[in-house]
Amino acid sequence: MKTKRIKNWVVENPHKAALSFMDFATLLDSTIKKINGSLALGFLSFREIAGVILVVGTVLLLSILLLG
């Protein structure tokens, strides 16, 4: 039940999901940096890329709706 609510939230609010991806990575960055600096940089980079992809996907979907 909880997983379904989270999935629906991500589908209904992709821009908020992208921000939460980036915020979560930023919060964990200092913790992971204590273990391994390269790992922290990679984790942060991939989370930022995922957030950007979500935002770009949202903009593309909205532009398709506008054209249709």
PDB file of N, CA and C in Angstrom:
ATOM      1  N   MET A   1       0.826  -1.198   0.000  1.00  0.00           N
ATOM      2  CA  MET A   1       0.000   0.000   0.000  1.00  0.00           C
ATOM      3  C   MET A   1       0.869   1.259   0.000  1.00  0.00           C
ATOM      4  N   LYS A   2       1.886   1.270   0.849  1.00  0.00           N
ATOM      5  CA  LYS A   2       2.748   2.450   0.940  1.00  0.00           C
ATOM      6  C   LYS A   2       3.521   2.656  -0.362  1.00  0.00           C
ATOM      7  N   THR A   3       3.985   1.554  -0.971  1.00  0.00           N
ATOM      8  CA  THR A   3       4.721   1.655  -2.226  1.00  0.00           C
ATOM      9  C   THR A   3       3.838   2.237  -3.322  1.00  0.00           C
ATOM     10  N   LYS A   4       2.574   1.849  -3.334  1.00  0.00           N
ATOM     11  CA  LYS A   4       1.641   2.369  -4.340  1.00  0.00           C
ATOM     12  C   LYS A   4       1.432   3.873  -4.168  1.00  0.00           C
ATOM     13  N   ARG A   5       1.349   4.329  -2.918  1.00  0.00           N
ATOM     14  CA  ARG A   5       1.188   5.768  -2.667  1.00  0.00           C
ATOM     15  C   ARG A   5       2.407   6.543  -3.133  1.00  0.00           C
ATOM     16  N   ILE A   6       3.592   6.000  -2.869  1.00  0.00           N
ATOM     17  CA  ILE A   6       4.827   6.676  -3.294  1.00  0.00           C
ATOM     18  C   ILE A   6       4.900   6.725  -4.815  1.00  0.00           C
ATOM     19  N   LYS A   7       4.560   5.611  -5.471  1.00  0.00           N
ATOM     20  CA  LYS A   7       4.581   5.567  -6.933  1.00  0.00           C
ATOM     21  C   LYS A   7       3.606   6.589  -7.519  1.00  0.00           C
ATOM     22  N   ASN A   8       2.412   6.670  -6.970  1.00  0.00           N
ATOM     23  CA  ASN A   8       1.434   7.646  -7.451  1.00  0.00           C
ATOM     24  C   ASN A   8       1.927   9.073  -7.242  1.00  0.00           C
ATOM     25  N   TRP A   9       2.591   9.325  -6.113  1.00  0.00           N
ATOM     26  CA  TRP A   9       3.113  10.658  -5.843  1.00  0.00           C
ATOM     27  C   TRP A   9       4.171  11.044  -6.874  1.00  0.00           C
ATOM     28  N   VAL A  10       5.055  10.098  -7.214  1.00  0.00           N
ATOM     29  CA  VAL A  10       6.108  10.378  -8.191  1.00  0.00           C
ATOM     30  C   VAL A  10       5.504  10.630  -9.566  1.00  0.00           C
ATOM     31  N   VAL A  11       4.480   9.861  -9.934  1.00  0.00           N
ATOM     32  CA  VAL A  11       3.839  10.037 -11.237  1.00  0.00           C
ATOM     33  C   VAL A  11       3.100  11.371 -11.312  1.00  0.00           C
ATOM     34  N   GLU A  12       2.434  11.757 -10.228  1.00  0.00           N
ATOM     35  CA  GLU A  12       1.659  12.992 -10.225  1.00  0.00           C
ATOM     36  C   GLU A  12       2.515  14.235 -10.044  1.00  0.00           C
ATOM     37  N   ASN A  13       3.677  14.110  -9.427  1.00  0.00           N
ATOM     38  CA  ASN A  13       4.535  15.262  -9.135  1.00  0.00           C
ATOM     39  C   ASN A  13       5.980  14.997  -9.563  1.00  0.00           C
ATOM     40  N   PRO A  14       6.254  14.872 -10.858  1.00  0.00           N
ATOM     41  CA  PRO A  14       7.626  14.540 -11.262  1.00  0.00           C
ATOM     42  C   PRO A  14       8.636  15.629 -10.925  1.00  0.00           C
ATOM     43  N   HIS A  15       8.202  16.900 -10.917  1.00  0.00           N
ATOM     44  CA  HIS A  15       9.140  17.972 -10.586  1.00  0.00           C
ATOM     45  C   HIS A  15       9.540  17.894  -9.109  1.00  0.00           C
ATOM     46  N   LYS A  16       8.606  17.536  -8.241  1.00  0.00           N
ATOM     47  CA  LYS A  16       8.939  17.375  -6.824  1.00  0.00           C
ATOM     48  C   LYS A  16       9.806  16.142  -6.600  1.00  0.00           C
ATOM     49  N   ALA A  17       9.567  15.100  -7.399  1.00  0.00           N
ATOM     50  CA  ALA A  17      10.391  13.891  -7.295  1.00  0.00           C
ATOM     51  C   ALA A  17      11.833  14.200  -7.693  1.00  0.00           C
ATOM     52  N   ALA A  18      12.003  15.008  -8.721  1.00  0.00           N
ATOM     53  CA  ALA A  18      13.353  15.378  -9.149  1.00  0.00           C
ATOM     54  C   ALA A  18      14.072  16.158  -8.059  1.00  0.00           C
ATOM     55  N   LEU A  19      13.354  17.078  -7.423  1.00  0.00           N
ATOM     56  CA  LEU A  19      13.972  17.843  -6.338  1.00  0.00           C
ATOM     57  C   LEU A  19      14.311  16.953  -5.152  1.00  0.00           C
ATOM     58  N   SER A  20      13.451  15.972  -4.864  1.00  0.00           N
ATOM     59  CA  SER A  20      13.741  15.093  -3.737  1.00  0.00           C
ATOM     60  C   SER A  20      14.931  14.194  -4.045  1.00  0.00           C
ATOM     61  N   PHE A  21      15.106  13.785  -5.318  1.00  0.00           N
ATOM     62  CA  PHE A  21      16.300  13.024  -5.703  1.00  0.00           C
ATOM     63  C   PHE A  21      17.553  13.828  -5.398  1.00  0.00           C
ATOM     64  N   MET A  22      17.542  15.081  -5.803  1.00  0.00           N
ATOM     65  CA  MET A  22      18.718  15.928  -5.620  1.00  0.00           C
ATOM     66  C   MET A  22      18.952  16.259  -4.149  1.00  0.00           C
ATOM     67  N   ASP A  23      17.885  16.506  -3.411  1.00  0.00           N
ATOM     68  CA  ASP A  23      18.028  16.816  -1.987  1.00  0.00           C
ATOM     69  C   ASP A  23      18.568  15.630  -1.202  1.00  0.00           C
ATOM     70  N   PHE A  24      18.072  14.440  -1.508  1.00  0.00           N
ATOM     71  CA  PHE A  24      18.524  13.236  -0.819  1.00  0.00           C
ATOM     72  C   PHE A  24      20.013  13.008  -1.063  1.00  0.00           C
ATOM     73  N   ALA A  25      20.452  13.206  -2.297  1.00  0.00           N
ATOM     74  CA  ALA A  25      21.866  13.035  -2.620  1.00  0.00           C
ATOM     75  C   ALA A  25      22.721  14.061  -1.893  1.00  0.00           C
ATOM     76  N   THR A  26      22.238  15.282  -1.802  1.00  0.00           N
ATOM     77  CA  THR A  26      22.989  16.336  -1.119  1.00  0.00           C
ATOM     78  C   THR A  26      23.110  16.043   0.378  1.00  0.00           C
ATOM     79  N   LEU A  27      22.028  15.528   0.957  1.00  0.00           N
ATOM     80  CA  LEU A  27      22.074  15.198   2.385  1.00  0.00           C
ATOM     81  C   LEU A  27      23.033  14.051   2.681  1.00  0.00           C
ATOM     82  N   LEU A  28      23.070  13.057   1.816  1.00  0.00           N
ATOM     83  CA  LEU A  28      23.944  11.911   2.050  1.00  0.00           C
ATOM     84  C   LEU A  28      25.389  12.156   1.640  1.00  0.00           C
ATOM     85  N   ASP A  29      25.646  13.223   0.918  1.00  0.00           N
ATOM     86  CA  ASP A  29      26.987  13.472   0.391  1.00  0.00           C
ATOM     87  C   ASP A  29      28.039  13.534   1.491  1.00  0.00           C
ATOM     88  N   SER A  30      27.769  14.262   2.554  1.00  0.00           N
ATOM     89  CA  SER A  30      28.774  14.389   3.614  1.00  0.00           C
ATOM     90  C   SER A  30      29.012  13.067   4.340  1.00  0.00           C
ATOM     91  N   THR A  31      27.971  12.261   4.466  1.00  0.00           N
ATOM     92  CA  THR A  31      28.122  10.959   5.125  1.00  0.00           C
ATOM     93  C   THR A  31      28.949  10.008   4.265  1.00  0.00           C
ATOM     94  N   ILE A  32      28.654   9.967   2.968  1.00  0.00           N
ATOM     95  CA  ILE A  32      29.388   9.072   2.079  1.00  0.00           C
ATOM     96  C   ILE A  32      30.819   9.546   1.882  1.00  0.00           C
ATOM     97  N   LYS A  33      31.037  10.859   1.963  1.00  0.00           N
ATOM     98  CA  LYS A  33      32.372  11.417   1.791  1.00  0.00           C
ATOM     99  C   LYS A  33      33.343  10.893   2.855  1.00  0.00           C
ATOM    100  N   LYS A  34      32.824  10.605   4.055  1.00  0.00           N
ATOM    101  CA  LYS A  34      33.671  10.059   5.120  1.00  0.00           C
ATOM    102  C   LYS A  34      34.165   8.664   4.761  1.00  0.00           C
ATOM    103  N   ILE A  35      33.373   7.918   4.000  1.00  0.00           N
ATOM    104  CA  ILE A  35      33.757   6.563   3.609  1.00  0.00           C
ATOM    105  C   ILE A  35      34.698   6.606   2.413  1.00  0.00           C
ATOM    106  N   ASN A  36      34.277   7.321   1.357  1.00  0.00           N
ATOM    107  CA  ASN A  36      35.073   7.382   0.134  1.00  0.00           C
ATOM    108  C   ASN A  36      34.647   8.611  -0.664  1.00  0.00           C
ATOM    109  N   GLY A  37      35.594   9.486  -0.937  1.00  0.00           N
ATOM    110  CA  GLY A  37      35.293  10.721  -1.654  1.00  0.00           C
ATOM    111  C   GLY A  37      34.837  10.495  -3.085  1.00  0.00           C
ATOM    112  N   SER A  38      35.464   9.543  -3.767  1.00  0.00           N
ATOM    113  CA  SER A  38      35.081   9.255  -5.155  1.00  0.00           C
ATOM    114  C   SER A  38      33.679   8.675  -5.230  1.00  0.00           C
ATOM    115  N   LEU A  39      33.351   7.820  -4.280  1.00  0.00           N
ATOM    116  CA  LEU A  39      32.014   7.235  -4.236  1.00  0.00           C
ATOM    117  C   LEU A  39      30.963   8.320  -4.015  1.00  0.00           C
ATOM    118  N   ALA A  40      31.267   9.266  -3.140  1.00  0.00           N
ATOM    119  CA  ALA A  40      30.340  10.362  -2.862  1.00  0.00           C
ATOM    120  C   ALA A  40      30.124  11.214  -4.107  1.00  0.00           C
ATOM    121  N   LEU A  41      31.186  11.502  -4.824  1.00  0.00           N
ATOM    122  CA  LEU A  41      31.074  12.305  -6.044  1.00  0.00           C
ATOM    123  C   LEU A  41      30.252  11.580  -7.108  1.00  0.00           C
ATOM    124  N   GLY A  42      30.492  10.286  -7.266  1.00  0.00           N
ATOM    125  CA  GLY A  42      29.734   9.504  -8.240  1.00  0.00           C
ATOM    126  C   GLY A  42      28.259   9.422  -7.880  1.00  0.00           C
ATOM    127  N   PHE A  43      27.974   9.183  -6.598  1.00  0.00           N
ATOM    128  CA  PHE A  43      26.591   9.097  -6.143  1.00  0.00           C
ATOM    129  C   PHE A  43      25.863  10.410  -6.374  1.00  0.00           C
ATOM    130  N   LEU A  44      26.505  11.501  -5.996  1.00  0.00           N
ATOM    131  CA  LEU A  44      25.892  12.816  -6.172  1.00  0.00           C
ATOM    132  C   LEU A  44      25.681  13.131  -7.648  1.00  0.00           C
ATOM    133  N   SER A  45      26.654  12.804  -8.469  1.00  0.00           N
ATOM    134  CA  SER A  45      26.548  13.088  -9.904  1.00  0.00           C
ATOM    135  C   SER A  45      25.406  12.320 -10.549  1.00  0.00           C
ATOM    136  N   PHE A  46      25.306  11.027 -10.243  1.00  0.00           N
ATOM    137  CA  PHE A  46      24.243  10.239 -10.857  1.00  0.00           C
ATOM    138  C   PHE A  46      22.863  10.653 -10.362  1.00  0.00           C
ATOM    139  N   ARG A  47      22.752  11.059  -9.109  1.00  0.00           N
ATOM    140  CA  ARG A  47      21.461  11.537  -8.606  1.00  0.00           C
ATOM    141  C   ARG A  47      21.081  12.849  -9.269  1.00  0.00           C
ATOM    142  N   GLU A  48      22.058  13.732  -9.469  1.00  0.00           N
ATOM    143  CA  GLU A  48      21.782  15.000 -10.147  1.00  0.00           C
ATOM    144  C   GLU A  48      21.355  14.753 -11.597  1.00  0.00           C
ATOM    145  N   ILE A  49      22.012  13.812 -12.271  1.00  0.00           N
ATOM    146  CA  ILE A  49      21.646  13.484 -13.648  1.00  0.00           C
ATOM    147  C   ILE A  49      20.220  12.931 -13.693  1.00  0.00           C
ATOM    148  N   ALA A  50      19.871  12.065 -12.744  1.00  0.00           N
ATOM    149  CA  ALA A  50      18.516  11.506 -12.696  1.00  0.00           C
ATOM    150  C   ALA A  50      17.481  12.613 -12.489  1.00  0.00           C
ATOM    151  N   GLY A  51      17.789  13.578 -11.640  1.00  0.00           N
ATOM    152  CA  GLY A  51      16.878  14.696 -11.424  1.00  0.00           C
ATOM    153  C   GLY A  51      16.695  15.534 -12.672  1.00  0.00           C
ATOM    154  N   VAL A  52      17.776  15.780 -13.377  1.00  0.00           N
ATOM    155  CA  VAL A  52      17.698  16.566 -14.613  1.00  0.00           C
ATOM    156  C   VAL A  52      16.885  15.815 -15.666  1.00  0.00           C
ATOM    157  N   ILE A  53      17.076  14.501 -15.757  1.00  0.00           N
ATOM    158  CA  ILE A  53      16.316  13.711 -16.724  1.00  0.00           C
ATOM    159  C   ILE A  53      14.820  13.762 -16.404  1.00  0.00           C
ATOM    160  N   LEU A  54      14.471  13.709 -15.126  1.00  0.00           N
ATOM    161  CA  LEU A  54      13.061  13.816 -14.749  1.00  0.00           C
ATOM    162  C   LEU A  54      12.474  15.167 -15.141  1.00  0.00           C
ATOM    163  N   VAL A  55      13.222  16.224 -14.913  1.00  0.00           N
ATOM    164  CA  VAL A  55      12.731  17.558 -15.273  1.00  0.00           C
ATOM    165  C   VAL A  55      12.590  17.687 -16.790  1.00  0.00           C
ATOM    166  N   VAL A  56      13.567  17.208 -17.535  1.00  0.00           N
ATOM    167  CA  VAL A  56      13.498  17.276 -19.002  1.00  0.00           C
ATOM    168  C   VAL A  56      12.320  16.448 -19.506  1.00  0.00           C
ATOM    169  N   GLY A  57      12.104  15.273 -18.934  1.00  0.00           N
ATOM    170  CA  GLY A  57      10.964  14.447 -19.321  1.00  0.00           C
ATOM    171  C   GLY A  57       9.644  15.136 -19.057  1.00  0.00           C
ATOM    172  N   THR A  58       9.551  15.818 -17.929  1.00  0.00           N
ATOM    173  CA  THR A  58       8.326  16.550 -17.607  1.00  0.00           C
ATOM    174  C   THR A  58       8.083  17.671 -18.612  1.00  0.00           C
ATOM    175  N   VAL A  59       9.115  18.393 -18.941  1.00  0.00           N
ATOM    176  CA  VAL A  59       8.980  19.489 -19.918  1.00  0.00           C
ATOM    177  C   VAL A  59       8.583  18.937 -21.282  1.00  0.00           C
ATOM    178  N   LEU A  60       9.183  17.813 -21.681  1.00  0.00           N
ATOM    179  CA  LEU A  60       8.822  17.218 -22.974  1.00  0.00           C
ATOM    180  C   LEU A  60       7.378  16.748 -22.999  1.00  0.00           C
ATOM    181  N   LEU A  61       6.930  16.130 -21.916  1.00  0.00           N
ATOM    182  CA  LEU A  61       5.532  15.694 -21.861  1.00  0.00           C
ATOM    183  C   LEU A  61       4.579  16.883 -21.921  1.00  0.00           C
ATOM    184  N   LEU A  62       4.908  17.948 -21.222  1.00  0.00           N
ATOM    185  CA  LEU A  62       4.065  19.129 -21.265  1.00  0.00           C
ATOM    186  C   LEU A  62       4.055  19.770 -22.647  1.00  0.00           C
ATOM    187  N   SER A  63       5.192  19.740 -23.326  1.00  0.00           N
ATOM    188  CA  SER A  63       5.231  20.328 -24.666  1.00  0.00           C
ATOM    189  C   SER A  63       4.431  19.464 -25.657  1.00  0.00           C
ATOM    190  N   ILE A  64       4.435  18.152 -25.473  1.00  0.00           N
ATOM    191  CA  ILE A  64       3.616  17.283 -26.325  1.00  0.00           C
ATOM    192  C   ILE A  64       2.138  17.567 -26.109  1.00  0.00           C
ATOM    193  N   LEU A  65       1.745  17.773 -24.843  1.00  0.00           N
ATOM    194  CA  LEU A  65       0.357  18.109 -24.563  1.00  0.00           C
ATOM    195  C   LEU A  65      -0.034  19.445 -25.186  1.00  0.00           C
ATOM    196  N   LEU A  66       0.894  20.377 -25.168  1.00  0.00           N
ATOM    197  CA  LEU A  66       0.622  21.695 -25.730  1.00  0.00           C
ATOM    198  C   LEU A  66       0.443  21.615 -27.247  1.00  0.00           C
ATOM    199  N   LEU A  67       1.241  20.784 -27.898  1.00  0.00           N
ATOM    200  CA  LEU A  67       1.165  20.653 -29.358  1.00  0.00           C
ATOM    201  C   LEU A  67      -0.029  19.827 -29.807  1.00  0.00           C
ATOM    202  N   GLY A  68      -0.516  18.948 -28.921  1.00  0.00           N
ATOM    203  CA  GLY A  68      -1.595  18.017 -29.316  1.00  0.00           C
ATOM    204  C   GLY A  68      -2.953  18.586 -29.265  1.00  0.00           C
TER     205      GLY A  68
END
